[in-house]
N, C-alpha and C. Protein backbone atom coordinates (compact mmCIF):
# COMPACT_ATOMS: atom_id res chain seq x y z
N MET A 1 345.19 88.78 257.93
CA MET A 1 343.97 88.02 258.25
C MET A 1 342.75 88.87 257.89
N PRO A 2 341.77 88.31 257.15
CA PRO A 2 340.59 89.09 256.77
C PRO A 2 339.79 89.50 258.00
N LYS A 3 339.21 90.69 257.92
CA LYS A 3 338.42 91.21 259.04
C LYS A 3 337.12 90.43 259.17
N LEU A 4 336.83 89.98 260.40
CA LEU A 4 335.59 89.25 260.64
C LEU A 4 334.43 90.24 260.77
N VAL A 5 333.32 89.94 260.11
CA VAL A 5 332.16 90.82 260.13
C VAL A 5 331.00 90.08 260.76
N ASP A 6 330.37 90.71 261.74
CA ASP A 6 329.16 90.16 262.37
C ASP A 6 328.01 90.38 261.39
N ARG A 7 327.60 89.30 260.72
CA ARG A 7 326.59 89.42 259.66
C ARG A 7 325.30 90.03 260.16
N GLU A 8 324.81 89.56 261.32
CA GLU A 8 323.54 90.06 261.83
C GLU A 8 323.66 91.52 262.26
N ALA A 9 324.80 91.86 262.87
CA ALA A 9 325.00 93.26 263.28
C ALA A 9 325.03 94.17 262.05
N ARG A 10 325.68 93.72 260.98
CA ARG A 10 325.75 94.52 259.76
C ARG A 10 324.35 94.69 259.15
N ARG A 11 323.59 93.63 259.14
CA ARG A 11 322.23 93.72 258.61
C ARG A 11 321.39 94.69 259.44
N ARG A 12 321.58 94.66 260.78
CA ARG A 12 320.84 95.59 261.64
C ARG A 12 321.24 97.03 261.33
N ASP A 13 322.53 97.25 261.09
CA ASP A 13 323.00 98.59 260.74
C ASP A 13 322.32 99.08 259.46
N VAL A 14 322.20 98.18 258.50
CA VAL A 14 321.57 98.54 257.23
C VAL A 14 320.09 98.85 257.45
N ILE A 15 319.40 98.03 258.23
CA ILE A 15 317.98 98.26 258.49
C ILE A 15 317.77 99.56 259.24
N ASP A 16 318.63 99.84 260.22
CA ASP A 16 318.53 101.11 260.94
C ASP A 16 318.69 102.29 259.98
N ALA A 17 319.58 102.13 259.00
CA ALA A 17 319.77 103.17 257.99
C ALA A 17 318.51 103.35 257.16
N VAL A 18 317.86 102.24 256.79
CA VAL A 18 316.60 102.31 256.05
C VAL A 18 315.57 103.10 256.85
N PHE A 19 315.45 102.78 258.14
CA PHE A 19 314.48 103.47 258.98
C PHE A 19 314.74 104.98 258.99
N ARG A 20 316.01 105.37 259.14
CA ARG A 20 316.32 106.80 259.21
C ARG A 20 315.95 107.50 257.90
N ILE A 21 316.23 106.85 256.78
CA ILE A 21 315.92 107.45 255.49
C ILE A 21 314.41 107.57 255.29
N VAL A 22 313.68 106.51 255.61
CA VAL A 22 312.22 106.53 255.43
C VAL A 22 311.60 107.62 256.29
N VAL A 23 312.04 107.72 257.54
CA VAL A 23 311.49 108.74 258.44
C VAL A 23 311.83 110.14 257.94
N ARG A 24 313.03 110.32 257.47
CA ARG A 24 313.49 111.66 257.07
C ARG A 24 313.03 112.05 255.67
N ASP A 25 313.12 111.09 254.71
CA ASP A 25 312.93 111.44 253.30
C ASP A 25 311.82 110.66 252.61
N GLY A 26 311.30 109.60 253.24
CA GLY A 26 310.27 108.80 252.60
C GLY A 26 310.82 107.52 251.99
N LEU A 27 309.94 106.55 251.83
CA LEU A 27 310.33 105.24 251.33
C LEU A 27 310.94 105.31 249.93
N GLN A 28 310.45 106.22 249.09
CA GLN A 28 310.92 106.29 247.71
C GLN A 28 312.40 106.66 247.61
N ARG A 29 312.96 107.24 248.68
CA ARG A 29 314.38 107.62 248.65
C ARG A 29 315.30 106.53 249.19
N ALA A 30 314.73 105.43 249.65
CA ALA A 30 315.55 104.38 250.27
C ALA A 30 316.06 103.40 249.22
N SER A 31 316.93 103.87 248.35
CA SER A 31 317.56 103.00 247.36
C SER A 31 318.76 102.31 247.99
N LEU A 32 319.30 101.31 247.31
CA LEU A 32 320.49 100.63 247.83
C LEU A 32 321.63 101.63 247.99
N ARG A 33 321.76 102.57 247.07
CA ARG A 33 322.84 103.56 247.13
C ARG A 33 322.67 104.48 248.33
N THR A 34 321.46 105.03 248.54
CA THR A 34 321.27 105.96 249.65
C THR A 34 321.38 105.24 250.99
N VAL A 35 320.94 103.99 251.03
CA VAL A 35 321.05 103.22 252.27
C VAL A 35 322.52 102.94 252.58
N ALA A 36 323.29 102.60 251.55
CA ALA A 36 324.72 102.36 251.75
C ALA A 36 325.41 103.62 252.28
N ASP A 37 325.07 104.77 251.70
CA ASP A 37 325.67 106.02 252.15
C ASP A 37 325.27 106.32 253.59
N GLU A 38 323.99 106.10 253.91
CA GLU A 38 323.50 106.38 255.27
C GLU A 38 324.18 105.49 256.29
N ALA A 39 324.45 104.24 255.92
CA ALA A 39 325.08 103.29 256.84
C ALA A 39 326.60 103.36 256.80
N ALA A 40 327.13 104.30 256.00
CA ALA A 40 328.59 104.45 255.85
C ALA A 40 329.24 103.17 255.36
N LEU A 41 328.61 102.55 254.35
CA LEU A 41 329.12 101.33 253.74
C LEU A 41 329.24 101.55 252.24
N ASN A 42 330.04 100.72 251.59
CA ASN A 42 330.03 100.78 250.13
C ASN A 42 328.85 99.94 249.63
N ILE A 43 328.39 100.26 248.46
CA ILE A 43 327.17 99.61 247.97
C ILE A 43 327.36 98.10 247.79
N GLY A 44 328.61 97.69 247.53
CA GLY A 44 328.87 96.26 247.41
C GLY A 44 328.59 95.51 248.69
N SER A 45 328.88 96.15 249.83
CA SER A 45 328.60 95.52 251.12
C SER A 45 327.10 95.33 251.32
N VAL A 46 326.31 96.33 250.92
CA VAL A 46 324.86 96.22 251.05
C VAL A 46 324.33 95.14 250.12
N ARG A 47 324.86 95.09 248.89
CA ARG A 47 324.41 94.06 247.95
C ARG A 47 324.81 92.65 248.42
N HIS A 48 325.82 92.57 249.25
CA HIS A 48 326.22 91.26 249.79
C HIS A 48 325.11 90.66 250.65
N TYR A 49 324.35 91.53 251.31
CA TYR A 49 323.29 91.06 252.20
C TYR A 49 321.91 91.11 251.55
N PHE A 50 321.73 92.03 250.60
CA PHE A 50 320.42 92.21 249.97
C PHE A 50 320.61 92.35 248.47
N ALA A 51 320.01 91.44 247.71
CA ALA A 51 320.23 91.40 246.27
C ALA A 51 319.54 92.54 245.53
N SER A 52 318.48 93.09 246.13
CA SER A 52 317.72 94.13 245.44
C SER A 52 317.10 95.07 246.47
N GLN A 53 316.63 96.21 245.97
CA GLN A 53 315.95 97.15 246.86
C GLN A 53 314.69 96.52 247.44
N GLN A 54 313.97 95.75 246.63
CA GLN A 54 312.75 95.10 247.10
C GLN A 54 313.05 94.16 248.27
N GLU A 55 314.11 93.38 248.14
CA GLU A 55 314.49 92.46 249.22
C GLU A 55 314.85 93.23 250.48
N LEU A 56 315.55 94.34 250.31
CA LEU A 56 315.93 95.17 251.45
C LEU A 56 314.68 95.75 252.12
N MET A 57 313.74 96.25 251.33
CA MET A 57 312.52 96.84 251.88
C MET A 57 311.68 95.80 252.63
N ARG A 58 311.58 94.62 252.07
CA ARG A 58 310.81 93.56 252.74
C ARG A 58 311.47 93.19 254.07
N PHE A 59 312.78 93.08 254.07
CA PHE A 59 313.46 92.71 255.30
C PHE A 59 313.29 93.81 256.36
N ALA A 60 313.31 95.06 255.92
CA ALA A 60 313.11 96.17 256.86
C ALA A 60 311.72 96.11 257.48
N MET A 61 310.71 95.84 256.66
CA MET A 61 309.34 95.74 257.18
C MET A 61 309.21 94.56 258.13
N GLU A 62 309.77 93.43 257.75
CA GLU A 62 309.71 92.24 258.62
C GLU A 62 310.41 92.51 259.95
N SER A 63 311.54 93.21 259.89
CA SER A 63 312.28 93.53 261.11
C SER A 63 311.46 94.44 262.02
N MET A 64 310.76 95.40 261.43
CA MET A 64 309.93 96.30 262.22
C MET A 64 308.80 95.53 262.90
N LEU A 65 308.15 94.64 262.17
CA LEU A 65 307.07 93.84 262.75
C LEU A 65 307.59 92.94 263.87
N GLU A 66 308.77 92.39 263.68
CA GLU A 66 309.36 91.53 264.72
C GLU A 66 309.68 92.34 265.98
N ARG A 67 310.19 93.55 265.81
CA ARG A 67 310.50 94.40 266.97
C ARG A 67 309.24 94.67 267.79
N VAL A 68 308.18 95.09 267.10
CA VAL A 68 306.93 95.41 267.80
C VAL A 68 306.35 94.17 268.46
N THR A 69 306.35 93.05 267.75
CA THR A 69 305.82 91.82 268.30
C THR A 69 306.58 91.40 269.55
N ALA A 70 307.90 91.53 269.53
CA ALA A 70 308.71 91.15 270.69
C ALA A 70 308.36 92.01 271.90
N ARG A 71 308.18 93.31 271.69
CA ARG A 71 307.81 94.19 272.81
C ARG A 71 306.43 93.84 273.35
N LEU A 72 305.50 93.58 272.45
CA LEU A 72 304.15 93.22 272.89
C LEU A 72 304.16 91.92 273.68
N THR A 73 304.93 90.95 273.20
CA THR A 73 305.01 89.66 273.88
C THR A 73 305.57 89.81 275.29
N ARG A 74 306.60 90.64 275.43
CA ARG A 74 307.18 90.88 276.76
C ARG A 74 306.17 91.53 277.69
N ARG A 75 305.40 92.47 277.17
CA ARG A 75 304.39 93.13 278.00
C ARG A 75 303.29 92.15 278.42
N VAL A 76 302.83 91.33 277.49
CA VAL A 76 301.79 90.35 277.81
C VAL A 76 302.28 89.39 278.88
N ASP A 77 303.53 88.96 278.76
CA ASP A 77 304.09 88.04 279.76
C ASP A 77 304.16 88.71 281.13
N ARG A 78 304.52 89.99 281.17
CA ARG A 78 304.62 90.69 282.45
C ARG A 78 303.25 90.91 283.09
N ILE A 79 302.24 91.16 282.25
CA ILE A 79 300.90 91.43 282.78
C ILE A 79 300.31 90.19 283.44
N GLY A 80 300.46 89.03 282.79
CA GLY A 80 299.89 87.80 283.33
C GLY A 80 298.37 87.83 283.27
N ALA A 81 297.72 87.33 284.30
CA ALA A 81 296.26 87.25 284.33
C ALA A 81 295.66 88.59 284.71
N LEU A 82 294.80 89.14 283.86
CA LEU A 82 294.18 90.42 284.15
C LEU A 82 293.20 90.34 285.31
N ALA A 83 292.57 89.20 285.46
CA ALA A 83 291.52 89.06 286.47
C ALA A 83 292.02 89.31 287.89
N GLY A 84 293.30 89.24 288.10
CA GLY A 84 293.85 89.46 289.43
C GLY A 84 293.99 90.93 289.79
N HIS A 85 293.61 91.84 288.88
CA HIS A 85 293.74 93.28 289.11
C HIS A 85 292.37 93.95 289.17
N PRO A 86 292.25 95.07 289.88
CA PRO A 86 291.02 95.86 289.81
C PRO A 86 290.78 96.34 288.38
N VAL A 87 289.54 96.69 288.07
CA VAL A 87 289.20 97.09 286.71
C VAL A 87 290.04 98.26 286.23
N ALA A 88 290.23 99.26 287.07
CA ALA A 88 291.01 100.43 286.67
C ALA A 88 292.43 100.04 286.29
N GLU A 89 293.02 99.11 287.03
CA GLU A 89 294.37 98.65 286.73
C GLU A 89 294.39 97.81 285.45
N GLN A 90 293.36 97.03 285.23
CA GLN A 90 293.27 96.26 283.99
C GLN A 90 293.25 97.20 282.78
N LEU A 91 292.50 98.28 282.89
CA LEU A 91 292.43 99.24 281.78
C LEU A 91 293.75 99.95 281.58
N ARG A 92 294.44 100.28 282.68
CA ARG A 92 295.75 100.92 282.56
C ARG A 92 296.76 100.00 281.88
N LEU A 93 296.77 98.75 282.30
CA LEU A 93 297.70 97.79 281.70
C LEU A 93 297.39 97.59 280.22
N THR A 94 296.11 97.56 279.89
CA THR A 94 295.70 97.40 278.49
C THR A 94 296.13 98.61 277.67
N ALA A 95 295.97 99.82 278.23
CA ALA A 95 296.39 101.03 277.52
C ALA A 95 297.90 101.03 277.30
N ASP A 96 298.66 100.60 278.29
CA ASP A 96 300.11 100.53 278.13
C ASP A 96 300.50 99.53 277.05
N LEU A 97 299.80 98.41 277.01
CA LEU A 97 300.08 97.39 276.00
C LEU A 97 299.80 97.92 274.60
N LEU A 98 298.60 98.45 274.39
CA LEU A 98 298.23 98.94 273.06
C LEU A 98 299.00 100.20 272.69
N GLY A 99 299.54 100.88 273.70
CA GLY A 99 300.37 102.04 273.42
C GLY A 99 301.63 101.70 272.64
N GLU A 100 302.02 100.44 272.63
CA GLU A 100 303.17 100.03 271.82
C GLU A 100 302.92 100.22 270.33
N LEU A 101 301.64 100.35 269.95
CA LEU A 101 301.30 100.53 268.54
C LEU A 101 301.23 101.99 268.14
N LEU A 102 301.34 102.90 269.12
CA LEU A 102 301.18 104.32 268.86
C LEU A 102 302.53 105.04 268.84
N PRO A 103 302.63 106.16 268.14
CA PRO A 103 303.91 106.91 268.06
C PRO A 103 304.13 107.77 269.30
N LEU A 104 304.41 107.14 270.43
CA LEU A 104 304.51 107.84 271.70
C LEU A 104 305.93 108.30 272.03
N ASP A 105 306.93 107.83 271.30
CA ASP A 105 308.31 108.27 271.49
C ASP A 105 309.03 108.16 270.15
N ASP A 106 310.29 108.51 270.11
CA ASP A 106 311.02 108.54 268.83
C ASP A 106 311.05 107.17 268.17
N LEU A 107 311.28 106.12 268.96
CA LEU A 107 311.35 104.77 268.39
C LEU A 107 310.02 104.38 267.77
N ARG A 108 308.94 104.53 268.53
CA ARG A 108 307.63 104.12 268.02
C ARG A 108 307.15 105.04 266.89
N ARG A 109 307.53 106.31 266.93
CA ARG A 109 307.18 107.20 265.83
C ARG A 109 307.87 106.75 264.54
N ALA A 110 309.13 106.35 264.65
CA ALA A 110 309.84 105.86 263.46
C ALA A 110 309.17 104.59 262.93
N GLU A 111 308.80 103.69 263.83
CA GLU A 111 308.16 102.44 263.39
C GLU A 111 306.83 102.72 262.71
N VAL A 112 306.03 103.60 263.28
CA VAL A 112 304.73 103.92 262.68
C VAL A 112 304.92 104.61 261.33
N THR A 113 305.90 105.50 261.23
CA THR A 113 306.17 106.18 259.97
C THR A 113 306.57 105.18 258.89
N VAL A 114 307.45 104.26 259.24
CA VAL A 114 307.87 103.21 258.29
C VAL A 114 306.67 102.36 257.90
N PHE A 115 305.86 101.98 258.88
CA PHE A 115 304.68 101.17 258.60
C PHE A 115 303.73 101.88 257.64
N LEU A 116 303.47 103.16 257.86
CA LEU A 116 302.56 103.90 257.00
C LEU A 116 303.10 104.00 255.58
N ASP A 117 304.40 104.24 255.43
CA ASP A 117 304.98 104.32 254.09
C ASP A 117 304.89 102.98 253.36
N PHE A 118 305.16 101.90 254.09
CA PHE A 118 305.08 100.58 253.47
C PHE A 118 303.64 100.24 253.10
N THR A 119 302.71 100.59 253.98
CA THR A 119 301.30 100.30 253.70
C THR A 119 300.83 101.05 252.47
N THR A 120 301.25 102.29 252.33
CA THR A 120 300.90 103.07 251.15
C THR A 120 301.49 102.43 249.89
N ALA A 121 302.74 102.00 249.99
CA ALA A 121 303.38 101.35 248.84
C ALA A 121 302.68 100.05 248.48
N ALA A 122 302.21 99.34 249.50
CA ALA A 122 301.57 98.03 249.27
C ALA A 122 300.26 98.15 248.51
N ARG A 123 299.66 99.33 248.52
CA ARG A 123 298.40 99.51 247.79
C ARG A 123 298.57 99.26 246.30
N THR A 124 299.76 99.60 245.77
CA THR A 124 299.99 99.45 244.34
C THR A 124 301.12 98.47 244.01
N ASP A 125 301.85 98.02 245.03
CA ASP A 125 302.97 97.10 244.80
C ASP A 125 302.67 95.76 245.46
N PRO A 126 302.33 94.73 244.68
CA PRO A 126 301.98 93.44 245.26
C PRO A 126 303.12 92.78 246.03
N ALA A 127 304.34 93.25 245.82
CA ALA A 127 305.48 92.66 246.53
C ALA A 127 305.39 92.91 248.03
N PHE A 128 304.66 93.95 248.44
CA PHE A 128 304.54 94.29 249.86
C PHE A 128 303.16 93.96 250.43
N ALA A 129 302.24 93.52 249.58
CA ALA A 129 300.85 93.36 250.01
C ALA A 129 300.71 92.35 251.15
N ASP A 130 301.46 91.24 251.09
CA ASP A 130 301.30 90.22 252.12
C ASP A 130 301.75 90.73 253.49
N LEU A 131 302.82 91.53 253.52
CA LEU A 131 303.30 92.05 254.81
C LEU A 131 302.34 93.10 255.35
N SER A 132 301.76 93.90 254.46
CA SER A 132 300.79 94.89 254.89
C SER A 132 299.56 94.21 255.49
N ARG A 133 299.11 93.15 254.84
CA ARG A 133 297.95 92.41 255.35
C ARG A 133 298.30 91.73 256.67
N LYS A 134 299.50 91.19 256.78
CA LYS A 134 299.94 90.54 258.01
C LYS A 134 299.91 91.53 259.17
N ALA A 135 300.35 92.75 258.93
CA ALA A 135 300.35 93.77 259.98
C ALA A 135 298.93 94.13 260.38
N ALA A 136 298.05 94.30 259.39
CA ALA A 136 296.67 94.68 259.68
C ALA A 136 295.94 93.59 260.45
N THR A 137 296.09 92.35 260.02
CA THR A 137 295.42 91.25 260.71
C THR A 137 296.05 91.01 262.08
N GLY A 138 297.36 91.22 262.19
CA GLY A 138 298.03 91.04 263.48
C GLY A 138 297.53 92.03 264.51
N THR A 139 297.33 93.28 264.10
CA THR A 139 296.80 94.30 265.01
C THR A 139 295.42 93.92 265.49
N ARG A 140 294.57 93.47 264.60
CA ARG A 140 293.22 93.10 264.98
C ARG A 140 293.20 91.85 265.85
N THR A 141 294.06 90.92 265.57
CA THR A 141 294.14 89.72 266.41
C THR A 141 294.54 90.09 267.83
N LEU A 142 295.53 90.98 267.96
CA LEU A 142 295.96 91.43 269.28
C LEU A 142 294.81 92.13 270.01
N ILE A 143 294.16 93.07 269.34
CA ILE A 143 293.08 93.82 269.98
C ILE A 143 291.95 92.89 270.38
N HIS A 144 291.58 91.96 269.51
CA HIS A 144 290.52 91.01 269.84
C HIS A 144 290.90 90.20 271.07
N HIS A 145 292.14 89.75 271.13
CA HIS A 145 292.61 88.96 272.27
C HIS A 145 292.54 89.78 273.56
N VAL A 146 292.96 91.04 273.48
CA VAL A 146 292.95 91.90 274.66
C VAL A 146 291.53 92.14 275.14
N LEU A 147 290.63 92.46 274.21
CA LEU A 147 289.24 92.73 274.60
C LEU A 147 288.56 91.48 275.13
N ALA A 148 288.89 90.33 274.55
CA ALA A 148 288.32 89.07 275.06
C ALA A 148 288.78 88.80 276.49
N ARG A 149 290.04 89.14 276.79
CA ARG A 149 290.54 88.98 278.15
C ARG A 149 289.83 89.94 279.11
N LEU A 150 289.59 91.17 278.66
CA LEU A 150 288.86 92.12 279.50
C LEU A 150 287.43 91.63 279.74
N ALA A 151 286.82 91.07 278.69
CA ALA A 151 285.47 90.54 278.85
C ALA A 151 285.47 89.37 279.84
N GLY A 152 286.47 88.50 279.74
CA GLY A 152 286.55 87.35 280.62
C GLY A 152 286.79 87.72 282.07
N SER A 153 287.44 88.89 282.30
CA SER A 153 287.73 89.31 283.67
C SER A 153 286.64 90.22 284.23
N GLY A 154 285.63 90.51 283.41
CA GLY A 154 284.54 91.36 283.86
C GLY A 154 284.79 92.84 283.69
N ALA A 155 285.86 93.23 283.02
CA ALA A 155 286.18 94.65 282.87
C ALA A 155 285.52 95.28 281.65
N LEU A 156 285.03 94.45 280.72
CA LEU A 156 284.34 94.98 279.55
C LEU A 156 282.87 95.17 279.91
N GLY A 157 282.31 96.32 279.54
CA GLY A 157 280.94 96.64 279.93
C GLY A 157 279.92 95.66 279.37
N PRO A 158 278.82 95.46 280.07
CA PRO A 158 277.75 94.57 279.59
C PRO A 158 277.25 94.99 278.21
N GLY A 159 277.02 94.00 277.37
CA GLY A 159 276.49 94.28 276.04
C GLY A 159 277.53 94.66 275.00
N ARG A 160 278.80 94.76 275.41
CA ARG A 160 279.84 95.11 274.44
C ARG A 160 280.16 93.90 273.58
N ASP A 161 280.09 94.07 272.26
CA ASP A 161 280.37 92.99 271.32
C ASP A 161 281.85 93.02 270.96
N VAL A 162 282.57 91.97 271.31
CA VAL A 162 284.03 91.97 271.13
C VAL A 162 284.44 92.16 269.67
N PRO A 163 283.88 91.44 268.70
CA PRO A 163 284.30 91.68 267.30
C PRO A 163 284.05 93.11 266.84
N ALA A 164 282.89 93.67 267.18
CA ALA A 164 282.58 95.04 266.77
C ALA A 164 283.51 96.04 267.45
N GLU A 165 283.76 95.83 268.75
CA GLU A 165 284.64 96.74 269.48
C GLU A 165 286.09 96.60 269.01
N THR A 166 286.45 95.42 268.51
CA THR A 166 287.78 95.23 267.94
C THR A 166 287.99 96.15 266.75
N GLU A 167 287.02 96.20 265.86
CA GLU A 167 287.14 97.07 264.68
C GLU A 167 287.13 98.54 265.07
N ARG A 168 286.30 98.89 266.05
CA ARG A 168 286.27 100.29 266.50
C ARG A 168 287.61 100.72 267.07
N LEU A 169 288.19 99.87 267.91
CA LEU A 169 289.46 100.20 268.54
C LEU A 169 290.60 100.20 267.52
N ALA A 170 290.56 99.25 266.57
CA ALA A 170 291.59 99.22 265.51
C ALA A 170 291.52 100.50 264.67
N ALA A 171 290.30 100.95 264.35
CA ALA A 171 290.14 102.17 263.57
C ALA A 171 290.66 103.38 264.35
N LEU A 172 290.41 103.40 265.65
CA LEU A 172 290.90 104.49 266.48
C LEU A 172 292.43 104.54 266.47
N ILE A 173 293.06 103.40 266.67
CA ILE A 173 294.52 103.35 266.69
C ILE A 173 295.10 103.73 265.33
N ASP A 174 294.51 103.22 264.26
CA ASP A 174 294.98 103.59 262.92
C ASP A 174 294.87 105.10 262.70
N GLY A 175 293.75 105.67 263.11
CA GLY A 175 293.55 107.10 262.91
C GLY A 175 294.52 107.95 263.72
N LEU A 176 294.75 107.54 264.96
CA LEU A 176 295.71 108.26 265.80
C LEU A 176 297.11 108.19 265.20
N CYS A 177 297.50 107.01 264.74
CA CYS A 177 298.83 106.85 264.14
C CYS A 177 299.01 107.75 262.93
N LEU A 178 298.04 107.72 262.04
CA LEU A 178 298.13 108.50 260.80
C LEU A 178 298.22 110.00 261.10
N THR A 179 297.32 110.50 261.94
CA THR A 179 297.29 111.94 262.19
C THR A 179 298.50 112.37 263.02
N ALA A 180 298.93 111.54 263.95
CA ALA A 180 300.07 111.90 264.78
C ALA A 180 301.35 111.99 263.96
N VAL A 181 301.49 111.16 262.93
CA VAL A 181 302.67 111.22 262.07
C VAL A 181 302.58 112.39 261.09
N LEU A 182 301.40 112.60 260.52
CA LEU A 182 301.24 113.68 259.53
C LEU A 182 301.17 115.05 260.18
N HIS A 183 300.56 115.12 261.37
CA HIS A 183 300.35 116.40 262.03
C HIS A 183 300.71 116.28 263.52
N PRO A 184 301.99 116.15 263.82
CA PRO A 184 302.40 115.91 265.21
C PRO A 184 302.06 117.05 266.17
N SER A 185 301.86 118.26 265.65
CA SER A 185 301.49 119.36 266.54
C SER A 185 299.99 119.34 266.86
N VAL A 186 299.22 118.62 266.04
CA VAL A 186 297.78 118.51 266.26
C VAL A 186 297.47 117.34 267.19
N VAL A 187 298.06 116.18 266.90
CA VAL A 187 297.88 114.99 267.74
C VAL A 187 299.24 114.62 268.32
N THR A 188 299.45 114.98 269.56
CA THR A 188 300.71 114.74 270.26
C THR A 188 300.68 113.37 270.93
N PRO A 189 301.81 112.89 271.44
CA PRO A 189 301.79 111.64 272.21
C PRO A 189 300.80 111.68 273.37
N ALA A 190 300.70 112.83 274.03
CA ALA A 190 299.74 112.95 275.13
C ALA A 190 298.31 112.81 274.64
N HIS A 191 298.01 113.38 273.46
CA HIS A 191 296.68 113.22 272.88
C HIS A 191 296.41 111.75 272.58
N CYS A 192 297.38 111.08 271.99
CA CYS A 192 297.23 109.66 271.65
C CYS A 192 296.92 108.84 272.90
N SER A 193 297.73 109.00 273.93
CA SER A 193 297.55 108.23 275.16
C SER A 193 296.21 108.55 275.81
N GLY A 194 295.89 109.84 275.88
CA GLY A 194 294.64 110.24 276.52
C GLY A 194 293.42 109.71 275.78
N THR A 195 293.45 109.76 274.46
CA THR A 195 292.32 109.27 273.67
C THR A 195 292.15 107.77 273.83
N LEU A 196 293.26 107.04 273.82
CA LEU A 196 293.19 105.59 274.00
C LEU A 196 292.62 105.25 275.38
N ARG A 197 293.09 105.92 276.41
CA ARG A 197 292.61 105.63 277.77
C ARG A 197 291.12 105.98 277.91
N ALA A 198 290.71 107.08 277.30
CA ALA A 198 289.30 107.47 277.37
C ALA A 198 288.42 106.44 276.67
N HIS A 199 288.90 105.93 275.54
CA HIS A 199 288.12 104.93 274.81
C HIS A 199 288.00 103.64 275.63
N LEU A 200 289.09 103.22 276.23
CA LEU A 200 289.04 102.00 277.04
C LEU A 200 288.12 102.19 278.25
N ALA A 201 288.13 103.37 278.84
CA ALA A 201 287.23 103.65 279.97
C ALA A 201 285.78 103.55 279.52
N GLU A 202 285.51 104.02 278.29
CA GLU A 202 284.15 103.91 277.75
C GLU A 202 283.75 102.44 277.55
N LEU A 203 284.71 101.63 277.13
CA LEU A 203 284.41 100.21 276.91
C LEU A 203 284.07 99.49 278.21
N ALA A 204 284.48 100.04 279.34
CA ALA A 204 284.16 99.43 280.62
C ALA A 204 282.74 99.72 281.09
N THR A 205 282.04 100.61 280.35
CA THR A 205 280.67 100.94 280.70
C THR A 205 279.71 100.11 279.84
N PRO A 206 278.44 100.01 280.25
CA PRO A 206 277.48 99.23 279.44
C PRO A 206 277.34 99.79 278.03
N ALA A 207 277.12 98.91 277.08
CA ALA A 207 276.91 99.35 275.69
C ALA A 207 275.63 100.16 275.59
N PRO A 208 275.63 101.22 274.77
CA PRO A 208 274.39 102.00 274.62
C PRO A 208 273.28 101.16 274.00
N ALA A 209 272.08 101.48 274.36
CA ALA A 209 270.93 100.74 273.82
C ALA A 209 270.80 101.02 272.33
N ALA A 210 270.42 99.99 271.59
CA ALA A 210 270.22 100.14 270.15
C ALA A 210 269.06 101.09 269.89
N PRO A 211 269.15 101.96 268.87
CA PRO A 211 268.06 102.91 268.58
C PRO A 211 266.81 102.19 268.09
């Protein structure tokens, strides 16, 4: 009797292998052959699920975005209405939520590393451009939604402009991710968390007067 194979489990194994290679050696080393070796499969098995390296890379990026989105959705559902919490607790919950985008542990560091490699590749490879844009716009949509909720609950300081603060916070998160991955001894998980919390605390104060 032929051995039954769990198709989705096999695909997850392959994607996990892609992640390990990208984190360890970079996206350019994630060929079908190296992925097959990393997943302890023959290359024919990998080709059964992915016709080309490009298809495999796109699926890996999509899987990463789905993982992050699922975690964010669960956190949003658990938080519920922010207005029912004191301002300090609203800021803490917001920091925990946005912390899902930062490399604060091995899992999130791997995701951020994969994201950065794909984003770099997307600059010159149109095959990845749509996913890179989807990630960038998704981050800003999330941040805008979070800041709008803080504004609605009274936790955002008077005079704070939500669209402008969205870009400021997105730039901060992008910068922390990049430096933490490239220079982990300079920007540690503690630095990332502390900087994010300090920025959110600043957003709870009145906006500075225009010069």
